[in-house]
C-alpha atoms as a PDB file:
ATOM      1  CA  MET A   1       0.053   0.325  -0.279  1.00  0.00           C
ATOM      2  CA  ALA A   2       1.169   3.259  -0.841  1.00  0.00           C
ATOM      3  CA  ARG A   3       1.165   6.201   1.746  1.00  0.00           C
ATOM      4  CA  TYR A   4      -0.011   9.825   1.497  1.00  0.00           C
ATOM      5  CA  ILE A   5       0.052  12.832   3.287  1.00  0.00           C
ATOM      6  CA  VAL A   6      -2.395  14.725   2.435  1.00  0.00           C
ATOM      7  CA  LEU A   7      -2.782  18.703   3.115  1.00  0.00           C
ATOM      8  CA  ILE A   8      -6.125  19.657   3.954  1.00  0.00           C
ATOM      9  CA  ASP A   9      -7.529  23.639   3.908  1.00  0.00           C
ATOM     10  CA  TRP A  10     -10.984  24.262   5.108  1.00  0.00           C
ATOM     11  CA  THR A  11     -12.740  26.527   2.467  1.00  0.00           C
ATOM     12  CA  ASP A  12     -14.857  29.581   3.769  1.00  0.00           C
ATOM     13  CA  GLN A  13     -17.966  26.741   4.115  1.00  0.00           C
ATOM     14  CA  GLY A  14     -15.287  24.676   5.830  1.00  0.00           C
ATOM     15  CA  VAL A  15     -14.486  27.398   8.645  1.00  0.00           C
ATOM     16  CA  ARG A  16     -18.646  28.016   8.671  1.00  0.00           C
ATOM     17  CA  ASN A  17     -18.892  24.193   9.407  1.00  0.00           C
ATOM     18  CA  ALA A  18     -15.954  23.735  11.276  1.00  0.00           C
ATOM     19  CA  THR A  19     -17.810  22.407  14.442  1.00  0.00           C
ATOM     20  CA  ASP A  20     -18.810  19.538  11.977  1.00  0.00           C
ATOM     21  CA  SER A  21     -15.255  18.321  11.380  1.00  0.00           C
ATOM     22  CA  VAL A  22     -14.381  15.496  13.484  1.00  0.00           C
ATOM     23  CA  ASN A  23     -18.001  14.039  12.355  1.00  0.00           C
ATOM     24  CA  ARG A  24     -16.854  14.553   8.334  1.00  0.00           C
ATOM     25  CA  SER A  25     -13.693  12.794   9.242  1.00  0.00           C
ATOM     26  CA  ARG A  26     -15.541   9.911  10.679  1.00  0.00           C
ATOM     27  CA  GLN A  27     -17.847   9.843   7.580  1.00  0.00           C
ATOM     28  CA  ALA A  28     -14.474  10.160   5.296  1.00  0.00           C
ATOM     29  CA  LYS A  29     -13.142   7.086   7.063  1.00  0.00           C
ATOM     30  CA  ASP A  30     -16.954   5.025   6.136  1.00  0.00           C
ATOM     31  CA  ILE A  31     -16.897   6.417   2.209  1.00  0.00           C
ATOM     32  CA  PHE A  32     -13.043   5.945   1.986  1.00  0.00           C
ATOM     33  CA  GLN A  33     -12.867   2.217   2.953  1.00  0.00           C
ATOM     34  CA  PRO A  34     -14.970   0.475  -0.262  1.00  0.00           C
ATOM     35  CA  MET A  35     -12.591   2.559  -2.020  1.00  0.00           C
ATOM     36  CA  GLY A  36      -9.492   0.949   0.015  1.00  0.00           C
ATOM     37  CA  VAL A  37      -7.981   4.118   1.002  1.00  0.00           C
ATOM     38  CA  ASN A  38      -7.560   3.964   4.701  1.00  0.00           C
ATOM     39  CA  ILE A  39      -6.842   7.033   7.333  1.00  0.00           C
ATOM     40  CA  GLU A  40      -4.046   5.759   9.525  1.00  0.00           C
ATOM     41  CA  ALA A  41      -4.268   8.952  11.286  1.00  0.00           C
ATOM     42  CA  ILE A  42      -5.495  12.820  10.800  1.00  0.00           C
ATOM     43  CA  TYR A  43      -4.492  16.194  12.508  1.00  0.00           C
ATOM     44  CA  TRP A  44      -5.753  19.226  13.277  1.00  0.00           C
ATOM     45  CA  THR A  45      -3.507  21.946  13.034  1.00  0.00           C
ATOM     46  CA  VAL A  46      -2.136  25.435  13.414  1.00  0.00           C
ATOM     47  CA  GLY A  47      -0.317  27.103  10.686  1.00  0.00           C
ATOM     48  CA  ASN A  48      -0.151  26.600   7.074  1.00  0.00           C
ATOM     49  CA  HIS A  49      -2.838  23.871   6.998  1.00  0.00           C
ATOM     50  CA  ASP A  50      -5.833  23.184   8.996  1.00  0.00           C
ATOM     51  CA  ILE A  51      -5.728  19.199   9.076  1.00  0.00           C
ATOM     52  CA  VAL A  52      -2.912  17.322   8.192  1.00  0.00           C
ATOM     53  CA  ALA A  53      -3.906  13.191   7.297  1.00  0.00           C
ATOM     54  CA  ILE A  54      -1.920  10.209   6.382  1.00  0.00           C
ATOM     55  CA  LEU A  55      -3.889   7.629   4.270  1.00  0.00           C
ATOM     56  CA  THR A  56      -2.885   4.625   2.459  1.00  0.00           C
ATOM     57  CA  ALA A  57      -4.194   3.343  -0.658  1.00  0.00           C
ATOM     58  CA  PRO A  58      -3.827   0.555  -3.007  1.00  0.00           C
ATOM     59  CA  ASP A  59      -2.465   2.927  -5.827  1.00  0.00           C
ATOM     60  CA  GLY A  60      -2.468   6.550  -7.032  1.00  0.00           C
ATOM     61  CA  GLU A  61      -6.174   6.444  -9.011  1.00  0.00           C
ATOM     62  CA  SER A  62      -7.585   5.579  -5.628  1.00  0.00           C
ATOM     63  CA  ILE A  63      -6.245   8.215  -3.727  1.00  0.00           C
ATOM     64  CA  ALA A  64      -7.096  10.713  -6.339  1.00  0.00           C
ATOM     65  CA  ALA A  65     -10.981   9.381  -6.231  1.00  0.00           C
ATOM     66  CA  ALA A  66     -10.776   9.512  -2.307  1.00  0.00           C
ATOM     67  CA  VAL A  67      -9.544  13.444  -2.109  1.00  0.00           C
ATOM     68  CA  VAL A  68     -11.740  14.401  -5.119  1.00  0.00           C
ATOM     69  CA  LYS A  69     -14.910  13.029  -3.526  1.00  0.00           C
ATOM     70  CA  LEU A  70     -13.878  14.703   0.057  1.00  0.00           C
ATOM     71  CA  ALA A  71     -13.152  18.129  -2.137  1.00  0.00           C
ATOM     72  CA  GLY A  72     -16.133  17.899  -3.624  1.00  0.00           C
ATOM     73  CA  ALA A  73     -18.296  18.149  -0.408  1.00  0.00           C
ATOM     74  CA  GLY A  74     -17.262  22.207  -0.824  1.00  0.00           C
ATOM     75  CA  ASN A  75     -15.572  21.718   2.808  1.00  0.00           C
ATOM     76  CA  VAL A  76     -12.166  21.450   1.993  1.00  0.00           C
ATOM     77  CA  ARG A  77      -9.280  21.894  -0.782  1.00  0.00           C
ATOM     78  CA  THR A  78      -6.644  19.254  -0.260  1.00  0.00           C
ATOM     79  CA  LYS A  79      -2.403  19.087  -1.735  1.00  0.00           C
ATOM     80  CA  THR A  80      -1.203  15.142  -1.827  1.00  0.00           C
ATOM     81  CA  LEU A  81       2.176  13.964  -1.466  1.00  0.00           C
ATOM     82  CA  GLN A  82       3.292  10.851  -1.583  1.00  0.00           C
ATOM     83  CA  ALA A  83       5.450   9.652   1.016  1.00  0.00           C
ATOM     84  CA  PHE A  84       8.078   6.998   1.225  1.00  0.00           C
ATOM     85  CA  ASP A  85       9.514   5.326   4.999  1.00  0.00           C
ATOM     86  CA  GLU A  86      13.095   4.856   5.088  1.00  0.00           C
ATOM     87  CA  ALA A  87      12.605   1.451   3.770  1.00  0.00           C
ATOM     88  CA  GLU A  88      11.298   2.238   0.554  1.00  0.00           C
ATOM     89  CA  PHE A  89      13.394   5.307   0.265  1.00  0.00           C
ATOM     90  CA  GLU A  90      16.561   3.248   0.699  1.00  0.00           C
ATOM     91  CA  ALA A  91      15.013   0.809  -2.069  1.00  0.00           C
ATOM     92  CA  ILE A  92      14.454   4.062  -4.346  1.00  0.00           C
ATOM     93  CA  LEU A  93      17.897   5.219  -3.835  1.00  0.00           C
ATOM     94  CA  GLY A  94      19.362   1.294  -5.017  1.00  0.00           C
ATOM     95  CA  ARG A  95      17.770   2.526  -8.230  1.00  0.00           C
ATOM     96  CA  LEU A  96      20.350   5.392  -8.736  1.00  0.00           C
ATOM     97  CA  GLY A  97      22.946   2.414  -9.775  1.00  0.00           C
END
């Protein structure tokens, strides 16, 4: 499973509905599961982004579908980064020759 870090920012609508944010994150878990996407962790943050989530998915298409569905509700905008742990990155470096 590939791992992704999703940087999430509230839209104006999302800020107005901020009190529903925890419930929306729980709903997202249920919506993502049939898509093969799992929310490993979610953090509400102060700074450049409002929320940071760590997700796993079988492929890029699955994560893309999940974040488009999430953003489609109008409460958030997302930026997605694929993440590699130490062993995965070491394997990538091994390809350098």
